Amino acid sequence: MKKFINDVDNLLAESLSGFQAAHRDLVKVHLDPNFVTRAEKPKNKVALISGGGSGHEPLHTGFVGYGMLDAACPGHVFTSPTPDQMLAAAEAVESGQGVLFIVKNYAGDVMNFEMAAEMLPFEHATVITSDDVAVENSTYTTGRRGVAGTVIVEKVVGSLAETGASLAECKALGDKVNSRTASMGVALTSCTVPAAGRPTFELAEDELEMGVGIHGEPGRRREKLRPADEIVADLVTAILHDLKPAPGSEVLLMVNGFTGTPLMELYVLFNAAAKLLEQQELKVVRSLVGDYTTSLEMAGASITVCLLDDEIRKHWDAPVHTAALRWGR
């Protein structure tokens, strides 16, 4: 295992300290318990909080800022944050309009956010993201996993919250976006959790894992490596089978890297996916390509399709200013 590490036990704290040093105009890092907030606390808006295990950067800390999250709670690598982190974050950012938790559908995340919510002294609600169509259940989840589609939920709901919308309105939009979003991933290599020191799983040079999860969870099947167009066809077919979009629908197409795949290859995947969607009479009117929901150094990618309507498109286009996503401001 070759990684830039001083001490595995201090990895998260050192990384968070570096994140603050690089983006102190945007964020403030709190240690013990660990959470990240905006550098300046907004007033009179619903506070959006998300979180999850580290190793998926920029999710979620990289999306703290104007137009997205108010706070993020990073757990240790691939480990759920604890209720005390969530409670401390909520108390730091709540400004009188309540708190909305955005939680990926993993058993530990859901349980710990629920425990934190029970202790909150103010109004709160939760949106659970579940966009992964690869499996209905796994050892990590009850139901579908929350993956790269979480970024779209955080962006769209984050915009709505900036307008002064109510907690109920923010939750309703988050649930709607989640219901109109589907993702599926594929891995060419495993990743190595620093504390483990060895790959999570093994793939031969001519193998891939179709439907892999962002922690290296097993996918739908292991198979031989094929041309990119064929791989994308399987991913897009599964996504469209789930969404069942009407011909003429406008969509946001997101190709998300797991960190170990060059941008050149991500655009190959986007090109193939866009052609397939157009063949199905779907209009790709918004796009996002890059590393947004990662898995340490895993080589692979996921494809996400979100069915747009006027409301979702408006809030996707609205200004955002975070460390990892910014436009229009």
Protein backbone atom coordinates (compact mmCIF):
# COMPACT_ATOMS: atom_id res chain seq x y z
CA MET A 1 0.00 0.00 0.00
CA LYS A 2 1.45 3.36 -1.07
CA LYS A 3 -0.36 6.41 0.30
CA PHE A 4 0.64 9.86 1.50
CA ILE A 5 0.04 9.24 5.18
CA ASN A 6 1.85 10.18 8.37
CA ASP A 7 -0.25 8.15 10.79
CA VAL A 8 -3.44 6.27 9.93
CA ASP A 9 -5.03 7.34 13.20
CA ASN A 10 -4.46 11.03 12.41
CA LEU A 11 -5.33 10.87 8.71
CA LEU A 12 -8.81 12.38 8.95
CA ALA A 13 -7.84 15.21 11.30
CA GLU A 14 -4.85 16.15 9.15
CA SER A 15 -6.93 16.02 5.97
CA LEU A 16 -9.64 18.22 7.48
CA SER A 17 -7.04 20.70 8.71
CA GLY A 18 -5.61 20.88 5.20
CA PHE A 19 -9.09 21.32 3.75
CA GLN A 20 -9.69 24.32 6.01
CA ALA A 21 -6.28 25.82 5.22
CA ALA A 22 -7.06 25.59 1.49
CA HIS A 23 -10.63 26.93 1.74
CA ARG A 24 -10.80 29.08 4.86
CA ASP A 25 -12.83 31.67 2.97
CA LEU A 26 -15.58 29.06 2.54
CA VAL A 27 -15.47 26.67 5.48
CA LYS A 28 -14.63 26.26 9.13
CA VAL A 29 -13.45 22.89 10.42
CA HIS A 30 -14.37 21.75 13.93
CA LEU A 31 -12.46 18.90 15.56
CA ASP A 32 -13.55 16.62 18.41
CA PRO A 33 -16.19 16.03 17.27
CA ASN A 34 -15.40 16.44 13.60
CA PHE A 35 -17.70 18.53 11.44
CA VAL A 36 -17.40 21.25 8.81
CA THR A 37 -19.56 24.38 8.57
CA ARG A 38 -19.70 27.41 6.34
CA ALA A 39 -17.19 30.06 7.30
CA GLU A 40 -20.07 32.46 7.92
CA LYS A 41 -23.34 31.19 9.35
CA PRO A 42 -26.38 32.12 7.24
CA LYS A 43 -29.46 33.51 8.97
CA ASN A 44 -33.14 32.65 8.68
CA LYS A 45 -32.90 29.64 6.43
CA VAL A 46 -33.35 25.91 6.75
CA ALA A 47 -29.96 24.42 7.62
CA LEU A 48 -28.89 21.51 5.39
CA ILE A 49 -26.61 18.89 6.92
CA SER A 50 -25.18 15.75 5.37
CA GLY A 51 -22.34 13.40 6.09
CA GLY A 52 -20.92 9.93 5.80
CA GLY A 53 -17.67 8.05 5.83
CA SER A 54 -14.57 9.77 4.53
CA GLY A 55 -12.94 8.50 1.36
CA HIS A 56 -15.70 9.82 -0.94
CA GLU A 57 -14.37 13.38 -1.27
CA PRO A 58 -15.51 15.90 -2.29
CA LEU A 59 -18.72 14.37 -0.89
CA HIS A 60 -19.75 15.80 1.57
CA THR A 61 -17.35 18.40 2.95
CA GLY A 62 -16.56 19.78 -0.50
CA PHE A 63 -20.21 20.77 -0.91
CA VAL A 64 -20.44 23.00 2.16
CA GLY A 65 -21.09 26.55 1.07
CA TYR A 66 -23.58 28.90 -0.55
CA GLY A 67 -26.28 27.07 -2.48
CA MET A 68 -25.59 23.66 -0.96
CA LEU A 69 -24.85 22.42 2.55
CA ASP A 70 -24.53 24.35 5.78
CA ALA A 71 -22.57 21.55 7.46
CA ALA A 72 -21.09 18.12 6.80
CA CYS A 73 -20.11 15.38 9.23
CA PRO A 74 -17.19 13.20 8.06
CA GLY A 75 -16.75 9.81 9.68
CA HIS A 76 -13.54 7.84 9.47
CA VAL A 77 -12.82 6.16 6.13
CA PHE A 78 -15.95 4.30 4.97
CA THR A 79 -17.35 4.60 8.51
CA SER A 80 -20.55 6.40 9.46
CA PRO A 81 -20.24 9.64 11.46
CA THR A 82 -21.45 9.43 15.03
CA PRO A 83 -24.58 11.05 16.51
CA ASP A 84 -22.51 13.49 18.57
CA GLN A 85 -20.97 14.87 15.35
CA MET A 86 -24.42 15.39 13.83
CA LEU A 87 -25.83 16.94 16.96
CA ALA A 88 -22.90 19.36 17.30
CA ALA A 89 -23.18 20.32 13.62
CA ALA A 90 -26.93 20.91 13.89
CA GLU A 91 -26.56 23.09 16.96
CA ALA A 92 -23.85 25.13 15.20
CA VAL A 93 -25.81 25.91 12.03
CA GLU A 94 -29.51 25.96 12.96
CA SER A 95 -30.82 29.53 12.62
CA GLY A 96 -34.45 29.28 13.64
CA GLN A 97 -35.92 27.55 10.58
CA GLY A 98 -35.06 23.96 11.42
CA VAL A 99 -32.61 21.38 10.08
CA LEU A 100 -32.86 19.05 7.10
CA PHE A 101 -30.61 16.00 7.16
CA ILE A 102 -29.67 14.53 3.75
CA VAL A 103 -28.61 10.94 4.39
CA LYS A 104 -27.35 8.24 2.03
CA ASN A 105 -29.18 4.95 2.54
CA TYR A 106 -26.59 2.97 4.48
CA ALA A 107 -27.62 1.29 7.71
CA GLY A 108 -25.04 3.02 9.92
CA ASP A 109 -25.65 6.47 8.45
CA VAL A 110 -29.42 6.19 8.79
CA MET A 111 -29.28 4.83 12.34
CA ASN A 112 -26.85 7.47 13.60
CA PHE A 113 -28.67 10.38 11.97
CA GLU A 114 -31.94 9.09 13.47
CA MET A 115 -30.33 8.97 16.92
CA ALA A 116 -29.07 12.54 16.51
CA ALA A 117 -32.49 13.73 15.30
CA GLU A 118 -34.16 12.35 18.41
CA MET A 119 -31.97 14.63 20.54
CA LEU A 120 -32.52 17.84 18.58
CA PRO A 121 -34.44 20.57 20.42
CA PHE A 122 -35.72 22.15 17.21
CA GLU A 123 -37.71 21.24 14.11
CA HIS A 124 -36.06 18.76 11.76
CA ALA A 125 -36.67 16.41 8.84
CA THR A 126 -34.69 13.89 6.78
CA VAL A 127 -34.28 13.07 3.11
CA ILE A 128 -32.85 9.59 2.43
CA THR A 129 -31.09 9.22 -0.92
CA SER A 130 -31.43 5.85 -2.66
CA ASP A 131 -30.47 6.28 -6.30
CA ASP A 132 -28.35 3.15 -6.86
CA VAL A 133 -30.26 0.74 -9.12
CA ALA A 134 -27.57 -1.98 -8.97
CA VAL A 135 -29.04 -3.88 -6.01
CA GLU A 136 -32.15 -3.74 -3.89
CA ASN A 137 -30.31 -4.83 -0.76
CA SER A 138 -26.76 -5.40 0.39
CA THR A 139 -24.91 -6.01 3.62
CA TYR A 140 -24.46 -2.23 3.86
CA THR A 141 -28.06 -1.15 3.27
CA THR A 142 -31.69 -1.80 3.79
CA GLY A 143 -33.00 -1.08 0.33
CA ARG A 144 -31.15 0.83 -2.38
CA ARG A 145 -27.88 2.58 -1.68
CA GLY A 146 -27.41 6.32 -1.86
CA VAL A 147 -24.57 7.21 -4.23
CA ALA A 148 -23.69 10.01 -6.69
CA GLY A 149 -27.29 11.17 -7.03
CA THR A 150 -26.86 12.57 -3.53
CA VAL A 151 -24.88 15.44 -5.07
CA ILE A 152 -27.89 16.43 -7.19
CA VAL A 153 -30.20 16.33 -4.18
CA GLU A 154 -27.83 18.49 -2.14
CA LYS A 155 -27.44 21.04 -4.95
CA VAL A 156 -31.13 21.37 -5.79
CA VAL A 157 -32.39 21.47 -2.20
CA GLY A 158 -29.52 23.75 -1.23
CA SER A 159 -30.70 26.28 -3.77
CA LEU A 160 -34.28 26.11 -2.53
CA ALA A 161 -33.16 26.62 1.07
CA GLU A 162 -31.35 29.82 0.08
CA THR A 163 -34.71 31.29 -1.01
CA GLY A 164 -36.12 31.05 2.51
CA ALA A 165 -38.33 28.04 1.75
CA SER A 166 -39.80 26.12 4.67
CA LEU A 167 -38.48 22.86 6.08
CA ALA A 168 -41.45 20.97 4.63
CA GLU A 169 -40.84 22.49 1.19
CA CYS A 170 -37.15 21.56 1.27
CA LYS A 171 -37.89 17.98 2.30
CA ALA A 172 -40.56 17.62 -0.38
CA LEU A 173 -38.17 18.76 -3.11
CA GLY A 174 -35.41 16.49 -1.83
CA ASP A 175 -37.71 13.48 -1.91
CA LYS A 176 -38.86 14.42 -5.41
CA VAL A 177 -35.34 14.74 -6.78
CA ASN A 178 -34.37 11.41 -5.23
CA SER A 179 -37.38 9.71 -6.82
CA ARG A 180 -36.42 11.08 -10.24
CA THR A 181 -32.73 10.10 -10.02
CA ALA A 182 -31.02 6.77 -10.72
CA SER A 183 -27.37 5.70 -10.76
CA MET A 184 -25.21 2.66 -11.38
CA GLY A 185 -21.45 2.17 -11.14
CA VAL A 186 -18.71 -0.08 -12.46
CA ALA A 187 -15.22 -0.76 -11.07
CA LEU A 188 -12.02 -1.76 -12.86
CA THR A 189 -9.96 -2.02 -9.65
CA SER A 190 -10.54 -2.13 -5.93
CA CYS A 191 -9.56 0.52 -3.42
CA THR A 192 -7.47 0.13 -0.28
CA VAL A 193 -8.80 1.36 3.05
CA PRO A 194 -5.73 2.80 4.85
CA ALA A 195 -6.44 1.03 8.14
CA ALA A 196 -6.78 -2.32 6.35
CA GLY A 197 -3.69 -1.92 4.20
CA ARG A 198 -4.93 -4.27 1.49
CA PRO A 199 -7.42 -4.06 -1.39
CA THR A 200 -11.07 -4.51 -0.45
CA PHE A 201 -11.53 -7.05 -3.25
CA GLU A 202 -9.50 -8.53 -6.08
CA LEU A 203 -10.15 -8.18 -9.81
CA ALA A 204 -8.09 -9.85 -12.50
CA GLU A 205 -6.57 -7.66 -15.20
CA ASP A 206 -9.35 -8.64 -17.61
CA GLU A 207 -12.27 -8.34 -15.13
CA LEU A 208 -14.66 -5.63 -13.96
CA GLU A 209 -17.31 -5.41 -11.24
CA MET A 210 -20.65 -4.28 -12.66
CA GLY A 211 -22.87 -2.42 -10.20
CA VAL A 212 -20.18 -1.89 -7.56
CA GLY A 213 -20.95 0.28 -4.52
CA ILE A 214 -18.90 3.27 -3.40
CA HIS A 215 -17.35 1.26 -0.53
CA GLY A 216 -16.37 -1.58 -2.83
CA GLU A 217 -19.54 -3.58 -2.11
CA PRO A 218 -20.27 -6.37 -4.60
CA GLY A 219 -22.26 -5.41 -7.64
CA ARG A 220 -24.66 -7.30 -9.87
CA ARG A 221 -21.96 -9.48 -11.41
CA ARG A 222 -18.28 -9.86 -12.16
CA GLU A 223 -17.47 -10.14 -15.84
CA LYS A 224 -14.77 -9.77 -18.47
CA LEU A 225 -13.64 -6.31 -19.52
CA ARG A 226 -15.46 -5.08 -22.62
CA PRO A 227 -15.42 -1.94 -24.81
CA ALA A 228 -16.66 1.19 -23.09
CA ASP A 229 -19.76 1.46 -25.27
CA GLU A 230 -20.93 -1.98 -24.19
CA ILE A 231 -20.34 -1.26 -20.49
CA VAL A 232 -22.23 2.04 -20.72
CA ALA A 233 -25.10 0.34 -22.54
CA ASP A 234 -25.62 -2.01 -19.60
CA LEU A 235 -25.50 0.85 -17.08
CA VAL A 236 -27.88 3.08 -19.03
CA THR A 237 -30.30 0.21 -19.69
CA ALA A 238 -30.57 -0.50 -15.96
CA ILE A 239 -31.07 3.18 -15.16
CA LEU A 240 -33.79 3.70 -17.77
CA HIS A 241 -35.54 0.50 -16.72
CA ASP A 242 -35.81 2.03 -13.27
CA LEU A 243 -36.79 5.59 -14.25
CA LYS A 244 -39.08 4.71 -17.17
CA PRO A 245 -38.84 8.22 -18.65
CA ALA A 246 -41.35 9.40 -21.23
CA PRO A 247 -39.96 10.16 -24.70
CA GLY A 248 -39.05 13.83 -24.96
CA SER A 249 -38.07 14.11 -21.28
CA GLU A 250 -35.24 16.45 -20.41
CA VAL A 251 -32.47 14.98 -18.25
CA LEU A 252 -29.34 15.82 -16.34
CA LEU A 253 -26.57 13.33 -17.18
CA MET A 254 -23.79 12.95 -14.64
CA VAL A 255 -20.69 10.81 -15.15
CA ASN A 256 -18.91 10.48 -11.83
CA GLY A 257 -15.38 9.16 -11.39
CA PHE A 258 -14.26 7.10 -8.40
CA THR A 259 -10.87 8.95 -8.47
CA GLY A 260 -8.71 6.41 -10.32
CA THR A 261 -10.19 7.02 -13.79
CA PRO A 262 -8.74 9.80 -16.00
CA LEU A 263 -11.05 12.58 -17.13
CA MET A 264 -10.35 11.55 -20.73
CA GLU A 265 -12.05 8.21 -20.06
CA LEU A 266 -14.95 9.81 -18.19
CA TYR A 267 -15.74 11.83 -21.30
CA VAL A 268 -15.68 8.62 -23.36
CA LEU A 269 -18.35 7.28 -20.99
CA PHE A 270 -20.35 10.51 -21.21
CA ASN A 271 -20.24 10.44 -25.00
CA ALA A 272 -21.57 6.89 -25.09
CA ALA A 273 -24.28 7.57 -22.49
CA ALA A 274 -25.48 10.76 -24.19
CA LYS A 275 -25.85 8.94 -27.52
CA LEU A 276 -27.87 6.16 -25.90
CA LEU A 277 -30.18 8.62 -24.15
CA GLU A 278 -30.73 10.52 -27.39
CA GLN A 279 -31.59 7.24 -29.13
CA GLN A 280 -34.32 6.84 -26.50
CA GLU A 281 -35.64 10.31 -27.42
CA LEU A 282 -34.37 11.85 -24.20
CA LYS A 283 -32.86 15.34 -24.21
CA VAL A 284 -29.59 15.80 -22.31
CA VAL A 285 -29.88 19.46 -21.33
CA ARG A 286 -27.62 19.53 -18.27
CA SER A 287 -24.38 17.67 -17.54
CA LEU A 288 -21.73 17.09 -14.91
CA VAL A 289 -18.50 15.14 -15.45
CA GLY A 290 -15.75 14.59 -12.89
CA ASP A 291 -14.91 13.12 -9.49
CA TYR A 292 -17.75 14.05 -7.11
CA THR A 293 -18.59 10.88 -5.16
CA THR A 294 -15.38 8.90 -5.02
CA SER A 295 -14.04 5.69 -3.51
CA LEU A 296 -10.47 6.40 -2.45
CA GLU A 297 -8.26 5.40 -5.42
CA MET A 298 -10.69 2.99 -7.12
CA ALA A 299 -10.63 2.98 -10.91
CA GLY A 300 -14.20 3.09 -12.14
CA ALA A 301 -17.15 5.39 -12.63
CA SER A 302 -20.88 5.72 -12.20
CA ILE A 303 -23.59 7.12 -14.44
CA THR A 304 -26.50 9.10 -13.01
CA VAL A 305 -29.60 10.32 -14.79
CA CYS A 306 -32.00 12.82 -13.21
CA LEU A 307 -35.36 13.54 -14.84
CA LEU A 308 -35.69 17.32 -14.86
CA ASP A 309 -38.73 19.52 -14.53
CA ASP A 310 -38.91 23.31 -14.36
CA GLU A 311 -38.40 23.38 -10.58
CA ILE A 312 -35.43 21.01 -10.50
CA ARG A 313 -33.77 22.69 -13.49
CA LYS A 314 -34.16 26.15 -11.95
CA HIS A 315 -32.51 25.12 -8.70
CA TRP A 316 -29.77 23.13 -10.46
CA ASP A 317 -28.89 26.24 -12.47
CA ALA A 318 -28.99 28.56 -9.45
CA PRO A 319 -25.69 29.97 -8.12
CA VAL A 320 -23.50 27.73 -5.96
CA HIS A 321 -20.15 28.44 -4.32
CA THR A 322 -18.42 25.55 -2.56
CA ALA A 323 -14.93 24.08 -2.66
CA ALA A 324 -15.95 21.46 -5.22
CA LEU A 325 -18.90 22.94 -7.11
CA ARG A 326 -19.33 26.55 -8.13
CA TRP A 327 -21.06 28.54 -10.82
CA GLY A 328 -23.17 31.67 -11.29
CA ARG A 329 -21.81 33.71 -8.39
